[in-house]
Amino acid sequence: MIAVIRLHPGERAGYSRGMKTPDKPQAETDPEQCELNRELKDANTTLALGAGVGALGTGTALLTGAVCPFCYVAVPALLGMGLYKRRQIKKRNKPA
């Protein structure tokens, strides 16, 4: 069954009538803050990749009874690298 949602003129999807749309975040102007945000995003991506490969490896292990060597090596490496990157970013960003 497919549901059809009709919007009133001027209404955006995901917002009920009368709600304000959220303000868009302003672009960071500080280059150092932009660099920290980019590095933090990279660290989070690495952690997510590690978790994804771990879930894939767990699923295949449950289905087949064996773990591929790539999953066995990549998951701890990706998770460790992501955590290490996040720790270094937090250390660098800590006020003195």
N, C-alpha and C. Protein backbone atom coordinates (compact mmCIF):
# COMPACT_ATOMS: atom_id res chain seq x y z
N MET A 1 0.84 -1.16 0.00
CA MET A 1 0.00 0.00 0.00
C MET A 1 0.89 1.23 0.00
N ILE A 2 0.57 2.18 -0.83
CA ILE A 2 1.35 3.41 -0.94
C ILE A 2 0.53 4.55 -0.38
N ALA A 3 1.12 5.31 0.52
CA ALA A 3 0.44 6.47 1.11
C ALA A 3 0.80 7.72 0.33
N VAL A 4 -0.19 8.54 0.09
CA VAL A 4 0.03 9.80 -0.61
C VAL A 4 -0.13 10.92 0.39
N ILE A 5 0.87 11.77 0.46
CA ILE A 5 0.84 12.90 1.37
C ILE A 5 0.67 14.16 0.54
N ARG A 6 -0.34 14.92 0.87
CA ARG A 6 -0.57 16.17 0.14
C ARG A 6 -0.10 17.32 1.02
N LEU A 7 0.67 18.19 0.42
CA LEU A 7 1.17 19.36 1.12
C LEU A 7 0.37 20.58 0.70
N HIS A 8 0.14 21.44 1.66
CA HIS A 8 -0.51 22.71 1.36
C HIS A 8 0.53 23.64 0.73
N PRO A 9 0.10 24.64 -0.02
CA PRO A 9 1.06 25.57 -0.62
C PRO A 9 1.95 26.21 0.45
N GLY A 10 3.22 26.22 0.21
CA GLY A 10 4.19 26.80 1.14
C GLY A 10 4.61 25.88 2.26
N GLU A 11 4.12 24.65 2.29
CA GLU A 11 4.45 23.70 3.35
C GLU A 11 5.52 22.74 2.85
N ARG A 12 6.48 22.43 3.71
CA ARG A 12 7.55 21.52 3.35
C ARG A 12 7.29 20.16 3.97
N ALA A 13 7.78 19.13 3.32
CA ALA A 13 7.61 17.77 3.84
C ALA A 13 8.32 17.64 5.18
N GLY A 14 7.69 16.95 6.11
CA GLY A 14 8.30 16.70 7.40
C GLY A 14 7.92 17.73 8.46
N TYR A 15 7.17 18.76 8.09
CA TYR A 15 6.79 19.78 9.05
C TYR A 15 5.28 19.94 9.02
N SER A 16 4.66 19.97 10.19
CA SER A 16 3.21 20.17 10.21
C SER A 16 2.91 21.65 10.06
N ARG A 17 1.69 21.93 9.72
CA ARG A 17 1.29 23.30 9.51
C ARG A 17 1.52 24.11 10.78
N GLY A 18 2.05 25.29 10.64
CA GLY A 18 2.28 26.16 11.78
C GLY A 18 3.68 26.04 12.37
N MET A 19 4.42 24.97 12.03
CA MET A 19 5.79 24.83 12.54
C MET A 19 6.74 25.61 11.66
N LYS A 20 7.68 26.23 12.30
CA LYS A 20 8.71 26.92 11.54
C LYS A 20 9.73 25.91 11.04
N THR A 21 10.27 26.16 9.88
CA THR A 21 11.36 25.31 9.40
C THR A 21 12.60 25.65 10.20
N PRO A 22 13.44 24.68 10.49
CA PRO A 22 14.64 24.95 11.29
C PRO A 22 15.57 25.88 10.54
N ASP A 23 16.26 26.71 11.32
CA ASP A 23 17.22 27.62 10.70
C ASP A 23 18.38 26.83 10.15
N LYS A 24 18.84 27.24 9.00
CA LYS A 24 20.00 26.58 8.40
C LYS A 24 21.26 27.04 9.13
N PRO A 25 22.16 26.09 9.46
CA PRO A 25 23.38 26.51 10.13
C PRO A 25 24.23 27.37 9.20
N GLN A 26 24.81 28.38 9.78
CA GLN A 26 25.66 29.25 8.97
C GLN A 26 27.00 28.57 8.75
N ALA A 27 27.59 28.87 7.62
CA ALA A 27 28.87 28.27 7.27
C ALA A 27 29.95 28.75 8.24
N GLU A 28 30.81 27.84 8.59
CA GLU A 28 31.92 28.20 9.47
C GLU A 28 32.89 29.10 8.71
N THR A 29 33.28 30.18 9.34
CA THR A 29 34.22 31.08 8.68
C THR A 29 35.64 30.87 9.18
N ASP A 30 35.77 30.24 10.32
CA ASP A 30 37.10 29.99 10.89
C ASP A 30 37.72 28.77 10.21
N PRO A 31 38.84 28.96 9.49
CA PRO A 31 39.44 27.81 8.79
C PRO A 31 39.89 26.70 9.74
N GLU A 32 40.34 27.05 10.93
CA GLU A 32 40.78 26.02 11.89
C GLU A 32 39.60 25.17 12.35
N GLN A 33 38.45 25.81 12.59
CA GLN A 33 37.25 25.08 13.00
C GLN A 33 36.76 24.20 11.86
N CYS A 34 36.85 24.70 10.62
CA CYS A 34 36.44 23.90 9.46
C CYS A 34 37.31 22.65 9.34
N GLU A 35 38.61 22.81 9.59
CA GLU A 35 39.54 21.68 9.51
C GLU A 35 39.22 20.65 10.61
N LEU A 36 38.93 21.13 11.82
CA LEU A 36 38.57 20.22 12.91
C LEU A 36 37.28 19.47 12.59
N ASN A 37 36.30 20.17 12.04
CA ASN A 37 35.04 19.52 11.68
C ASN A 37 35.26 18.47 10.60
N ARG A 38 36.12 18.77 9.64
CA ARG A 38 36.40 17.82 8.56
C ARG A 38 37.10 16.58 9.11
N GLU A 39 38.06 16.79 10.02
CA GLU A 39 38.77 15.65 10.61
C GLU A 39 37.84 14.81 11.49
N LEU A 40 36.94 15.48 12.21
CA LEU A 40 36.00 14.75 13.05
C LEU A 40 35.04 13.93 12.19
N LYS A 41 34.61 14.50 11.08
CA LYS A 41 33.75 13.77 10.16
C LYS A 41 34.47 12.55 9.59
N ASP A 42 35.75 12.71 9.28
CA ASP A 42 36.55 11.60 8.77
C ASP A 42 36.68 10.49 9.82
N ALA A 43 36.90 10.89 11.08
CA ALA A 43 37.01 9.90 12.16
C ALA A 43 35.68 9.17 12.35
N ASN A 44 34.57 9.89 12.28
CA ASN A 44 33.26 9.26 12.43
C ASN A 44 32.97 8.31 11.27
N THR A 45 33.40 8.69 10.06
CA THR A 45 33.22 7.82 8.90
C THR A 45 34.02 6.53 9.07
N THR A 46 35.23 6.65 9.58
CA THR A 46 36.06 5.46 9.81
C THR A 46 35.40 4.53 10.83
N LEU A 47 34.86 5.12 11.90
CA LEU A 47 34.15 4.30 12.90
C LEU A 47 32.93 3.62 12.28
N ALA A 48 32.18 4.35 11.47
CA ALA A 48 30.99 3.78 10.85
C ALA A 48 31.36 2.66 9.89
N LEU A 49 32.45 2.83 9.14
CA LEU A 49 32.90 1.76 8.25
C LEU A 49 33.29 0.52 9.04
N GLY A 50 33.99 0.72 10.15
CA GLY A 50 34.36 -0.41 10.99
C GLY A 50 33.15 -1.13 11.54
N ALA A 51 32.15 -0.37 11.98
CA ALA A 51 30.93 -0.99 12.49
C ALA A 51 30.17 -1.71 11.38
N GLY A 52 30.16 -1.13 10.19
CA GLY A 52 29.47 -1.76 9.06
C GLY A 52 30.12 -3.06 8.63
N VAL A 53 31.43 -3.03 8.54
CA VAL A 53 32.16 -4.25 8.15
C VAL A 53 32.01 -5.30 9.25
N GLY A 54 31.99 -4.84 10.51
CA GLY A 54 31.79 -5.77 11.62
C GLY A 54 30.42 -6.43 11.57
N ALA A 55 29.39 -5.64 11.25
CA ALA A 55 28.04 -6.20 11.13
C ALA A 55 27.96 -7.17 9.96
N LEU A 56 28.60 -6.82 8.86
CA LEU A 56 28.63 -7.71 7.70
C LEU A 56 29.36 -9.02 8.04
N GLY A 57 30.49 -8.90 8.70
CA GLY A 57 31.25 -10.09 9.09
C GLY A 57 30.49 -10.96 10.06
N THR A 58 29.80 -10.33 11.00
CA THR A 58 28.99 -11.09 11.97
C THR A 58 27.86 -11.81 11.27
N GLY A 59 27.21 -11.11 10.34
CA GLY A 59 26.12 -11.74 9.60
C GLY A 59 26.57 -12.93 8.79
N THR A 60 27.68 -12.77 8.09
CA THR A 60 28.18 -13.89 7.29
C THR A 60 28.67 -15.03 8.18
N ALA A 61 29.23 -14.68 9.33
CA ALA A 61 29.67 -15.73 10.26
C ALA A 61 28.48 -16.53 10.78
N LEU A 62 27.39 -15.84 11.06
CA LEU A 62 26.20 -16.55 11.54
C LEU A 62 25.59 -17.41 10.44
N LEU A 63 25.62 -16.92 9.20
CA LEU A 63 25.02 -17.67 8.10
C LEU A 63 25.90 -18.83 7.63
N THR A 64 27.20 -18.58 7.52
CA THR A 64 28.08 -19.60 6.93
C THR A 64 28.93 -20.34 7.95
N GLY A 65 29.09 -19.76 9.13
CA GLY A 65 29.92 -20.41 10.14
C GLY A 65 31.39 -20.09 10.00
N ALA A 66 31.75 -19.16 9.11
CA ALA A 66 33.15 -18.78 8.93
C ALA A 66 33.25 -17.27 8.78
N VAL A 67 34.38 -16.74 9.19
CA VAL A 67 34.63 -15.30 9.07
C VAL A 67 35.72 -15.09 8.03
N CYS A 68 35.47 -14.14 7.15
CA CYS A 68 36.49 -13.87 6.13
C CYS A 68 37.70 -13.20 6.78
N PRO A 69 38.89 -13.47 6.28
CA PRO A 69 40.09 -12.88 6.87
C PRO A 69 40.10 -11.36 6.81
N PHE A 70 39.52 -10.79 5.75
CA PHE A 70 39.49 -9.33 5.64
C PHE A 70 38.69 -8.72 6.80
N CYS A 71 37.53 -9.30 7.08
CA CYS A 71 36.70 -8.79 8.18
C CYS A 71 37.43 -8.94 9.52
N TYR A 72 38.13 -10.03 9.67
CA TYR A 72 38.84 -10.32 10.91
C TYR A 72 39.92 -9.28 11.19
N VAL A 73 40.55 -8.76 10.13
CA VAL A 73 41.63 -7.78 10.28
C VAL A 73 41.10 -6.35 10.18
N ALA A 74 40.15 -6.10 9.28
CA ALA A 74 39.72 -4.74 8.99
C ALA A 74 38.89 -4.13 10.11
N VAL A 75 38.05 -4.89 10.76
CA VAL A 75 37.16 -4.32 11.78
C VAL A 75 37.95 -3.71 12.94
N PRO A 76 38.86 -4.43 13.58
CA PRO A 76 39.62 -3.80 14.67
C PRO A 76 40.48 -2.63 14.18
N ALA A 77 41.01 -2.75 12.96
CA ALA A 77 41.85 -1.67 12.44
C ALA A 77 41.03 -0.41 12.21
N LEU A 78 39.86 -0.53 11.59
CA LEU A 78 39.03 0.63 11.32
C LEU A 78 38.50 1.25 12.62
N LEU A 79 38.03 0.42 13.53
CA LEU A 79 37.53 0.95 14.80
C LEU A 79 38.64 1.62 15.61
N GLY A 80 39.80 0.98 15.65
CA GLY A 80 40.93 1.56 16.38
C GLY A 80 41.40 2.87 15.77
N MET A 81 41.47 2.93 14.45
CA MET A 81 41.91 4.15 13.79
C MET A 81 40.90 5.28 14.00
N GLY A 82 39.61 4.98 13.94
CA GLY A 82 38.59 6.00 14.17
C GLY A 82 38.64 6.53 15.59
N LEU A 83 38.78 5.64 16.56
CA LEU A 83 38.88 6.08 17.96
C LEU A 83 40.15 6.89 18.20
N TYR A 84 41.25 6.46 17.59
CA TYR A 84 42.52 7.19 17.73
C TYR A 84 42.40 8.61 17.15
N LYS A 85 41.78 8.71 15.98
CA LYS A 85 41.61 10.03 15.35
C LYS A 85 40.74 10.94 16.22
N ARG A 86 39.64 10.39 16.74
CA ARG A 86 38.76 11.20 17.59
C ARG A 86 39.48 11.66 18.85
N ARG A 87 40.29 10.77 19.43
CA ARG A 87 41.02 11.14 20.64
C ARG A 87 42.02 12.25 20.36
N GLN A 88 42.72 12.16 19.24
CA GLN A 88 43.68 13.19 18.90
C GLN A 88 43.00 14.54 18.64
N ILE A 89 41.84 14.51 18.01
CA ILE A 89 41.09 15.74 17.75
C ILE A 89 40.65 16.37 19.07
N LYS A 90 40.13 15.56 19.97
CA LYS A 90 39.67 16.07 21.28
C LYS A 90 40.84 16.63 22.09
N LYS A 91 41.99 15.97 22.01
CA LYS A 91 43.18 16.44 22.72
C LYS A 91 43.63 17.79 22.20
N ARG A 92 43.64 17.93 20.88
CA ARG A 92 44.07 19.17 20.24
C ARG A 92 43.09 20.31 20.49
N ASN A 93 41.82 19.98 20.61
CA ASN A 93 40.78 20.99 20.76
C ASN A 93 40.55 21.37 22.22
N LYS A 94 41.15 20.63 23.16
CA LYS A 94 40.95 20.88 24.59
C LYS A 94 41.55 22.24 24.98
N PRO A 95 40.77 23.07 25.70
CA PRO A 95 41.32 24.37 26.12
C PRO A 95 42.44 24.18 27.14
N ALA A 96 43.39 25.08 27.11
CA ALA A 96 44.57 24.97 27.99
C ALA A 96 44.27 25.41 29.40
